[in-house]
Amino acid sequence: MNLTFFNTHTLAGRLEIILAKGTYLAERGRRGYHIELYDMGDFFAEVWTNPETNFIGLIRGLASKRALEPYAHNINLLDMMCW
């Protein structure tokens, strides 16, 4: 799975791919949205949900690691390690 292929899908298709292949990493809030971050292997994906309506307004793939900066304080790397 690569970002280009991911982005060719509809919103529903991208959600299905995330649920089947993604690994949940973290969450944050912005502009009234609840945003979840997923590791997709070669890229990351965000799911933007309106918590009042439970409507998914945006699903986007992120190629840049710089896009992870808003999550840096929420991710505990020790939790991600297999002992």
PDB file of N, CA and C in Angstrom:
ATOM      1  N   MET A   1       0.848  -1.173   0.000  1.00  0.00           N
ATOM      2  CA  MET A   1       0.000   0.000   0.000  1.00  0.00           C
ATOM      3  C   MET A   1       0.893   1.234   0.000  1.00  0.00           C
ATOM      4  N   ASN A   2       0.623   2.145  -0.925  1.00  0.00           N
ATOM      5  CA  ASN A   2       1.349   3.402  -0.923  1.00  0.00           C
ATOM      6  C   ASN A   2       0.368   4.570  -0.894  1.00  0.00           C
ATOM      7  N   LEU A   3       0.883   5.740  -0.631  1.00  0.00           N
ATOM      8  CA  LEU A   3       0.045   6.924  -0.462  1.00  0.00           C
ATOM      9  C   LEU A   3      -0.735   7.261  -1.721  1.00  0.00           C
ATOM     10  N   THR A   4      -0.132   7.151  -2.871  1.00  0.00           N
ATOM     11  CA  THR A   4      -0.824   7.459  -4.128  1.00  0.00           C
ATOM     12  C   THR A   4      -2.036   6.553  -4.314  1.00  0.00           C
ATOM     13  N   PHE A   5      -1.867   5.258  -4.087  1.00  0.00           N
ATOM     14  CA  PHE A   5      -2.976   4.309  -4.204  1.00  0.00           C
ATOM     15  C   PHE A   5      -4.060   4.621  -3.177  1.00  0.00           C
ATOM     16  N   PHE A   6      -3.663   4.920  -1.951  1.00  0.00           N
ATOM     17  CA  PHE A   6      -4.599   5.258  -0.880  1.00  0.00           C
ATOM     18  C   PHE A   6      -5.460   6.453  -1.273  1.00  0.00           C
ATOM     19  N   ASN A   7      -4.825   7.471  -1.834  1.00  0.00           N
ATOM     20  CA  ASN A   7      -5.538   8.703  -2.176  1.00  0.00           C
ATOM     21  C   ASN A   7      -6.473   8.569  -3.370  1.00  0.00           C
ATOM     22  N   THR A   8      -6.386   7.479  -4.128  1.00  0.00           N
ATOM     23  CA  THR A   8      -7.311   7.290  -5.248  1.00  0.00           C
ATOM     24  C   THR A   8      -8.678   6.791  -4.789  1.00  0.00           C
ATOM     25  N   HIS A   9      -8.785   6.386  -3.537  1.00  0.00           N
ATOM     26  CA  HIS A   9     -10.041   5.844  -3.018  1.00  0.00           C
ATOM     27  C   HIS A   9     -10.964   6.941  -2.488  1.00  0.00           C
ATOM     28  N   THR A  10     -12.225   6.615  -2.406  1.00  0.00           N
ATOM     29  CA  THR A  10     -13.209   7.518  -1.817  1.00  0.00           C
ATOM     30  C   THR A  10     -12.970   7.597  -0.314  1.00  0.00           C
ATOM     31  N   LEU A  11     -13.677   8.485   0.335  1.00  0.00           N
ATOM     32  CA  LEU A  11     -13.593   8.613   1.781  1.00  0.00           C
ATOM     33  C   LEU A  11     -13.923   7.278   2.457  1.00  0.00           C
ATOM     34  N   ALA A  12     -14.984   6.641   2.012  1.00  0.00           N
ATOM     35  CA  ALA A  12     -15.373   5.342   2.581  1.00  0.00           C
ATOM     36  C   ALA A  12     -14.315   4.282   2.303  1.00  0.00           C
ATOM     37  N   GLY A  13     -13.724   4.313   1.131  1.00  0.00           N
ATOM     38  CA  GLY A  13     -12.681   3.356   0.779  1.00  0.00           C
ATOM     39  C   GLY A  13     -11.432   3.547   1.623  1.00  0.00           C
ATOM     40  N   ARG A  14     -11.066   4.796   1.860  1.00  0.00           N
ATOM     41  CA  ARG A  14      -9.899   5.084   2.700  1.00  0.00           C
ATOM     42  C   ARG A  14     -10.132   4.625   4.139  1.00  0.00           C
ATOM     43  N   LEU A  15     -11.352   4.838   4.637  1.00  0.00           N
ATOM     44  CA  LEU A  15     -11.677   4.384   5.990  1.00  0.00           C
ATOM     45  C   LEU A  15     -11.580   2.862   6.079  1.00  0.00           C
ATOM     46  N   GLU A  16     -12.088   2.181   5.088  1.00  0.00           N
ATOM     47  CA  GLU A  16     -12.027   0.717   5.058  1.00  0.00           C
ATOM     48  C   GLU A  16     -10.573   0.227   5.066  1.00  0.00           C
ATOM     49  N   ILE A  17      -9.716   0.884   4.304  1.00  0.00           N
ATOM     50  CA  ILE A  17      -8.297   0.515   4.261  1.00  0.00           C
ATOM     51  C   ILE A  17      -7.647   0.742   5.626  1.00  0.00           C
ATOM     52  N   ILE A  18      -7.946   1.865   6.245  1.00  0.00           N
ATOM     53  CA  ILE A  18      -7.381   2.159   7.564  1.00  0.00           C
ATOM     54  C   ILE A  18      -7.812   1.117   8.585  1.00  0.00           C
ATOM     55  N   LEU A  19      -9.083   0.783   8.588  1.00  0.00           N
ATOM     56  CA  LEU A  19      -9.585  -0.195   9.556  1.00  0.00           C
ATOM     57  C   LEU A  19      -8.994  -1.582   9.323  1.00  0.00           C
ATOM     58  N   ALA A  20      -8.691  -1.916   8.070  1.00  0.00           N
ATOM     59  CA  ALA A  20      -8.141  -3.235   7.755  1.00  0.00           C
ATOM     60  C   ALA A  20      -6.631  -3.305   7.958  1.00  0.00           C
ATOM     61  N   LYS A  21      -5.913  -2.221   7.658  1.00  0.00           N
ATOM     62  CA  LYS A  21      -4.447  -2.298   7.626  1.00  0.00           C
ATOM     63  C   LYS A  21      -3.726  -1.316   8.534  1.00  0.00           C
ATOM     64  N   GLY A  22      -4.443  -0.353   9.069  1.00  0.00           N
ATOM     65  CA  GLY A  22      -3.788   0.685   9.867  1.00  0.00           C
ATOM     66  C   GLY A  22      -3.572   0.279  11.314  1.00  0.00           C
ATOM     67  N   THR A  23      -2.579   0.910  11.920  1.00  0.00           N
ATOM     68  CA  THR A  23      -2.301   0.735  13.338  1.00  0.00           C
ATOM     69  C   THR A  23      -2.502   2.075  14.022  1.00  0.00           C
ATOM     70  N   TYR A  24      -3.429   2.108  14.966  1.00  0.00           N
ATOM     71  CA  TYR A  24      -3.729   3.341  15.677  1.00  0.00           C
ATOM     72  C   TYR A  24      -2.501   3.785  16.472  1.00  0.00           C
ATOM     73  N   LEU A  25      -2.183   5.087  16.390  1.00  0.00           N
ATOM     74  CA  LEU A  25      -1.029   5.629  17.112  1.00  0.00           C
ATOM     75  C   LEU A  25      -1.397   6.659  18.168  1.00  0.00           C
ATOM     76  N   ALA A  26      -2.227   7.635  17.797  1.00  0.00           N
ATOM     77  CA  ALA A  26      -2.485   8.748  18.715  1.00  0.00           C
ATOM     78  C   ALA A  26      -3.727   9.510  18.268  1.00  0.00           C
ATOM     79  N   GLU A  27      -4.101  10.470  19.091  1.00  0.00           N
ATOM     80  CA  GLU A  27      -5.225  11.340  18.749  1.00  0.00           C
ATOM     81  C   GLU A  27      -4.943  12.743  19.253  1.00  0.00           C
ATOM     82  N   ARG A  28      -5.692  13.670  18.682  1.00  0.00           N
ATOM     83  CA  ARG A  28      -5.588  15.073  19.072  1.00  0.00           C
ATOM     84  C   ARG A  28      -6.884  15.765  18.686  1.00  0.00           C
ATOM     85  N   GLY A  29      -7.018  16.996  19.078  1.00  0.00           N
ATOM     86  CA  GLY A  29      -8.170  17.791  18.706  1.00  0.00           C
ATOM     87  C   GLY A  29      -7.724  19.043  17.983  1.00  0.00           C
ATOM     88  N   ARG A  30      -8.572  19.511  17.064  1.00  0.00           N
ATOM     89  CA  ARG A  30      -8.291  20.760  16.355  1.00  0.00           C
ATOM     90  C   ARG A  30      -9.564  21.267  15.701  1.00  0.00           C
ATOM     91  N   ARG A  31      -9.809  22.552  15.896  1.00  0.00           N
ATOM     92  CA  ARG A  31     -10.967  23.222  15.271  1.00  0.00           C
ATOM     93  C   ARG A  31     -12.274  22.455  15.480  1.00  0.00           C
ATOM     94  N   GLY A  32     -12.444  21.893  16.653  1.00  0.00           N
ATOM     95  CA  GLY A  32     -13.671  21.175  16.973  1.00  0.00           C
ATOM     96  C   GLY A  32     -13.719  19.750  16.470  1.00  0.00           C
ATOM     97  N   TYR A  33     -12.658  19.266  15.856  1.00  0.00           N
ATOM     98  CA  TYR A  33     -12.600  17.896  15.346  1.00  0.00           C
ATOM     99  C   TYR A  33     -11.770  17.001  16.260  1.00  0.00           C
ATOM    100  N   HIS A  34     -12.130  15.750  16.303  1.00  0.00           N
ATOM    101  CA  HIS A  34     -11.349  14.699  16.941  1.00  0.00           C
ATOM    102  C   HIS A  34     -10.550  14.042  15.816  1.00  0.00           C
ATOM    103  N   ILE A  35      -9.221  14.008  15.938  1.00  0.00           N
ATOM    104  CA  ILE A  35      -8.359  13.516  14.859  1.00  0.00           C
ATOM    105  C   ILE A  35      -7.562  12.324  15.361  1.00  0.00           C
ATOM    106  N   GLU A  36      -7.677  11.211  14.653  1.00  0.00           N
ATOM    107  CA  GLU A  36      -6.926  10.006  14.997  1.00  0.00           C
ATOM    108  C   GLU A  36      -5.840   9.780  13.958  1.00  0.00           C
ATOM    109  N   LEU A  37      -4.669   9.368  14.425  1.00  0.00           N
ATOM    110  CA  LEU A  37      -3.512   9.112  13.578  1.00  0.00           C
ATOM    111  C   LEU A  37      -3.265   7.609  13.486  1.00  0.00           C
ATOM    112  N   TYR A  38      -3.022   7.127  12.261  1.00  0.00           N
ATOM    113  CA  TYR A  38      -2.765   5.713  12.016  1.00  0.00           C
ATOM    114  C   TYR A  38      -1.477   5.535  11.228  1.00  0.00           C
ATOM    115  N   ASP A  39      -0.727   4.501  11.573  1.00  0.00           N
ATOM    116  CA  ASP A  39       0.455   4.098  10.816  1.00  0.00           C
ATOM    117  C   ASP A  39      -0.020   3.142   9.732  1.00  0.00           C
ATOM    118  N   MET A  40       0.303   3.470   8.475  1.00  0.00           N
ATOM    119  CA  MET A  40      -0.116   2.648   7.351  1.00  0.00           C
ATOM    120  C   MET A  40       1.059   1.916   6.709  1.00  0.00           C
ATOM    121  N   GLY A  41       2.191   1.895   7.379  1.00  0.00           N
ATOM    122  CA  GLY A  41       3.375   1.238   6.833  1.00  0.00           C
ATOM    123  C   GLY A  41       4.295   2.230   6.154  1.00  0.00           C
ATOM    124  N   ASP A  42       3.956   2.625   4.934  1.00  0.00           N
ATOM    125  CA  ASP A  42       4.788   3.566   4.171  1.00  0.00           C
ATOM    126  C   ASP A  42       4.384   5.021   4.359  1.00  0.00           C
ATOM    127  N   PHE A  43       3.280   5.257   5.045  1.00  0.00           N
ATOM    128  CA  PHE A  43       2.800   6.617   5.279  1.00  0.00           C
ATOM    129  C   PHE A  43       1.900   6.607   6.512  1.00  0.00           C
ATOM    130  N   PHE A  44       1.405   7.759   6.879  1.00  0.00           N
ATOM    131  CA  PHE A  44       0.476   7.885   8.000  1.00  0.00           C
ATOM    132  C   PHE A  44      -0.851   8.406   7.469  1.00  0.00           C
ATOM    133  N   ALA A  45      -1.916   8.182   8.223  1.00  0.00           N
ATOM    134  CA  ALA A  45      -3.232   8.665   7.827  1.00  0.00           C
ATOM    135  C   ALA A  45      -3.937   9.277   9.028  1.00  0.00           C
ATOM    136  N   GLU A  46      -4.707  10.331   8.761  1.00  0.00           N
ATOM    137  CA  GLU A  46      -5.528  10.968   9.781  1.00  0.00           C
ATOM    138  C   GLU A  46      -6.996  10.797   9.435  1.00  0.00           C
ATOM    139  N   VAL A  47      -7.798  10.573  10.476  1.00  0.00           N
ATOM    140  CA  VAL A  47      -9.260  10.531  10.343  1.00  0.00           C
ATOM    141  C   VAL A  47      -9.812  11.665  11.195  1.00  0.00           C
ATOM    142  N   TRP A  48     -10.468  12.634  10.541  1.00  0.00           N
ATOM    143  CA  TRP A  48     -11.041  13.801  11.201  1.00  0.00           C
ATOM    144  C   TRP A  48     -12.533  13.564  11.406  1.00  0.00           C
ATOM    145  N   THR A  49     -12.967  13.532  12.665  1.00  0.00           N
ATOM    146  CA  THR A  49     -14.364  13.271  13.004  1.00  0.00           C
ATOM    147  C   THR A  49     -14.931  14.420  13.814  1.00  0.00           C
ATOM    148  N   ASN A  50     -16.146  14.844  13.484  1.00  0.00           N
ATOM    149  CA  ASN A  50     -16.852  15.838  14.276  1.00  0.00           C
ATOM    150  C   ASN A  50     -17.479  15.106  15.459  1.00  0.00           C
ATOM    151  N   PRO A  51     -17.045  15.382  16.693  1.00  0.00           N
ATOM    152  CA  PRO A  51     -17.562  14.625  17.830  1.00  0.00           C
ATOM    153  C   PRO A  51     -19.036  14.881  18.146  1.00  0.00           C
ATOM    154  N   GLU A  52     -19.564  16.015  17.700  1.00  0.00           N
ATOM    155  CA  GLU A  52     -20.979  16.309  17.952  1.00  0.00           C
ATOM    156  C   GLU A  52     -21.903  15.502  17.052  1.00  0.00           C
ATOM    157  N   THR A  53     -21.482  15.272  15.817  1.00  0.00           N
ATOM    158  CA  THR A  53     -22.331  14.559  14.855  1.00  0.00           C
ATOM    159  C   THR A  53     -21.822  13.160  14.542  1.00  0.00           C
ATOM    160  N   ASN A  54     -20.584  12.861  14.967  1.00  0.00           N
ATOM    161  CA  ASN A  54     -19.915  11.590  14.651  1.00  0.00           C
ATOM    162  C   ASN A  54     -19.734  11.415  13.149  1.00  0.00           C
ATOM    163  N   PHE A  55     -19.679  12.539  12.418  1.00  0.00           N
ATOM    164  CA  PHE A  55     -19.495  12.551  10.967  1.00  0.00           C
ATOM    165  C   PHE A  55     -18.015  12.664  10.641  1.00  0.00           C
ATOM    166  N   ILE A  56     -17.518  11.787   9.775  1.00  0.00           N
ATOM    167  CA  ILE A  56     -16.132  11.864   9.333  1.00  0.00           C
ATOM    168  C   ILE A  56     -16.055  12.880   8.204  1.00  0.00           C
ATOM    169  N   GLY A  57     -15.345  13.965   8.460  1.00  0.00           N
ATOM    170  CA  GLY A  57     -15.257  15.044   7.490  1.00  0.00           C
ATOM    171  C   GLY A  57     -14.059  14.955   6.573  1.00  0.00           C
ATOM    172  N   LEU A  58     -13.011  14.238   7.015  1.00  0.00           N
ATOM    173  CA  LEU A  58     -11.780  14.192   6.232  1.00  0.00           C
ATOM    174  C   LEU A  58     -10.973  12.962   6.614  1.00  0.00           C
ATOM    175  N   ILE A  59     -10.418  12.317   5.609  1.00  0.00           N
ATOM    176  CA  ILE A  59      -9.411  11.278   5.812  1.00  0.00           C
ATOM    177  C   ILE A  59      -8.289  11.616   4.852  1.00  0.00           C
ATOM    178  N   ARG A  60      -7.103  11.796   5.409  1.00  0.00           N
ATOM    179  CA  ARG A  60      -5.992  12.171   4.540  1.00  0.00           C
ATOM    180  C   ARG A  60      -4.735  11.373   4.869  1.00  0.00           C
ATOM    181  N   GLY A  61      -3.984  11.088   3.833  1.00  0.00           N
ATOM    182  CA  GLY A  61      -2.700  10.433   3.983  1.00  0.00           C
ATOM    183  C   GLY A  61      -1.607  11.475   4.124  1.00  0.00           C
ATOM    184  N   LEU A  62      -0.614  11.164   4.943  1.00  0.00           N
ATOM    185  CA  LEU A  62       0.466  12.103   5.219  1.00  0.00           C
ATOM    186  C   LEU A  62       1.799  11.469   4.852  1.00  0.00           C
ATOM    187  N   ALA A  63       2.514  12.103   3.941  1.00  0.00           N
ATOM    188  CA  ALA A  63       3.809  11.575   3.513  1.00  0.00           C
ATOM    189  C   ALA A  63       4.947  12.142   4.354  1.00  0.00           C
ATOM    190  N   SER A  64       4.786  13.341   4.852  1.00  0.00           N
ATOM    191  CA  SER A  64       5.850  14.017   5.578  1.00  0.00           C
ATOM    192  C   SER A  64       5.821  13.659   7.061  1.00  0.00           C
ATOM    193  N   LYS A  65       6.968  13.352   7.599  1.00  0.00           N
ATOM    194  CA  LYS A  65       7.060  13.084   9.031  1.00  0.00           C
ATOM    195  C   LYS A  65       6.853  14.357   9.840  1.00  0.00           C
ATOM    196  N   ARG A  66       7.005  15.487   9.191  1.00  0.00           N
ATOM    197  CA  ARG A  66       6.756  16.763   9.873  1.00  0.00           C
ATOM    198  C   ARG A  66       5.289  16.881  10.292  1.00  0.00           C
ATOM    199  N   ALA A  67       4.410  16.216   9.574  1.00  0.00           N
ATOM    200  CA  ALA A  67       2.988  16.233   9.908  1.00  0.00           C
ATOM    201  C   ALA A  67       2.707  15.531  11.236  1.00  0.00           C
ATOM    202  N   LEU A  68       3.690  14.804  11.753  1.00  0.00           N
ATOM    203  CA  LEU A  68       3.522  14.095  13.024  1.00  0.00           C
ATOM    204  C   LEU A  68       3.775  14.993  14.229  1.00  0.00           C
ATOM    205  N   GLU A  69       4.347  16.163  14.026  1.00  0.00           N
ATOM    206  CA  GLU A  69       4.698  17.053  15.128  1.00  0.00           C
ATOM    207  C   GLU A  69       3.542  17.347  16.085  1.00  0.00           C
ATOM    208  N   PRO A  70       2.309  17.566  15.609  1.00  0.00           N
ATOM    209  CA  PRO A  70       1.221  17.835  16.558  1.00  0.00           C
ATOM    210  C   PRO A  70       0.930  16.660  17.502  1.00  0.00           C
ATOM    211  N   TYR A  71       1.407  15.484  17.172  1.00  0.00           N
ATOM    212  CA  TYR A  71       1.163  14.299  17.994  1.00  0.00           C
ATOM    213  C   TYR A  71       2.329  13.974  18.921  1.00  0.00           C
ATOM    214  N   ALA A  72       3.436  14.640  18.777  1.00  0.00           N
ATOM    215  CA  ALA A  72       4.669  14.266  19.474  1.00  0.00           C
ATOM    216  C   ALA A  72       4.488  14.167  20.985  1.00  0.00           C
ATOM    217  N   HIS A  73       3.726  15.057  21.565  1.00  0.00           N
ATOM    218  CA  HIS A  73       3.554  15.026  23.018  1.00  0.00           C
ATOM    219  C   HIS A  73       2.552  13.957  23.468  1.00  0.00           C
ATOM    220  N   ASN A  74       1.810  13.357  22.531  1.00  0.00           N
ATOM    221  CA  ASN A  74       0.813  12.342  22.873  1.00  0.00           C
ATOM    222  C   ASN A  74       1.301  10.910  22.698  1.00  0.00           C
ATOM    223  N   ILE A  75       2.426  10.727  22.018  1.00  0.00           N
ATOM    224  CA  ILE A  75       2.892   9.379  21.704  1.00  0.00           C
ATOM    225  C   ILE A  75       3.978   8.966  22.696  1.00  0.00           C
ATOM    226  N   ASN A  76       3.751   7.828  23.344  1.00  0.00           N
ATOM    227  CA  ASN A  76       4.736   7.253  24.234  1.00  0.00           C
ATOM    228  C   ASN A  76       5.438   6.125  23.481  1.00  0.00           C
ATOM    229  N   LEU A  77       6.685   6.354  23.096  1.00  0.00           N
ATOM    230  CA  LEU A  77       7.401   5.368  22.299  1.00  0.00           C
ATOM    231  C   LEU A  77       7.602   4.058  23.044  1.00  0.00           C
ATOM    232  N   LEU A  78       7.681   4.078  24.362  1.00  0.00           N
ATOM    233  CA  LEU A  78       7.815   2.839  25.122  1.00  0.00           C
ATOM    234  C   LEU A  78       6.604   1.927  24.945  1.00  0.00           C
ATOM    235  N   ASP A  79       5.412   2.535  24.801  1.00  0.00           N
ATOM    236  CA  ASP A  79       4.205   1.748  24.579  1.00  0.00           C
ATOM    237  C   ASP A  79       4.224   1.034  23.241  1.00  0.00           C
ATOM    238  N   MET A  80       5.014   1.534  22.283  1.00  0.00           N
ATOM    239  CA  MET A  80       5.034   0.976  20.940  1.00  0.00           C
ATOM    240  C   MET A  80       6.082  -0.138  20.790  1.00  0.00           C
ATOM    241  N   MET A  81       6.931  -0.318  21.789  1.00  0.00           N
ATOM    242  CA  MET A  81       8.005  -1.304  21.700  1.00  0.00           C
ATOM    243  C   MET A  81       7.529  -2.663  22.200  1.00  0.00           C
ATOM    244  N   CYS A  82       7.942  -3.695  21.526  1.00  0.00           N
ATOM    245  CA  CYS A  82       7.654  -5.058  21.956  1.00  0.00           C
ATOM    246  C   CYS A  82       8.809  -5.528  22.823  1.00  0.00           C
ATOM    247  N   TRP A  83       8.531  -5.957  24.006  1.00  0.00           N
ATOM    248  CA  TRP A  83       9.589  -6.408  24.927  1.00  0.00           C
ATOM    249  C   TRP A  83       9.706  -7.872  24.863  1.00  0.00           C
TER     250      TRP A  83
END
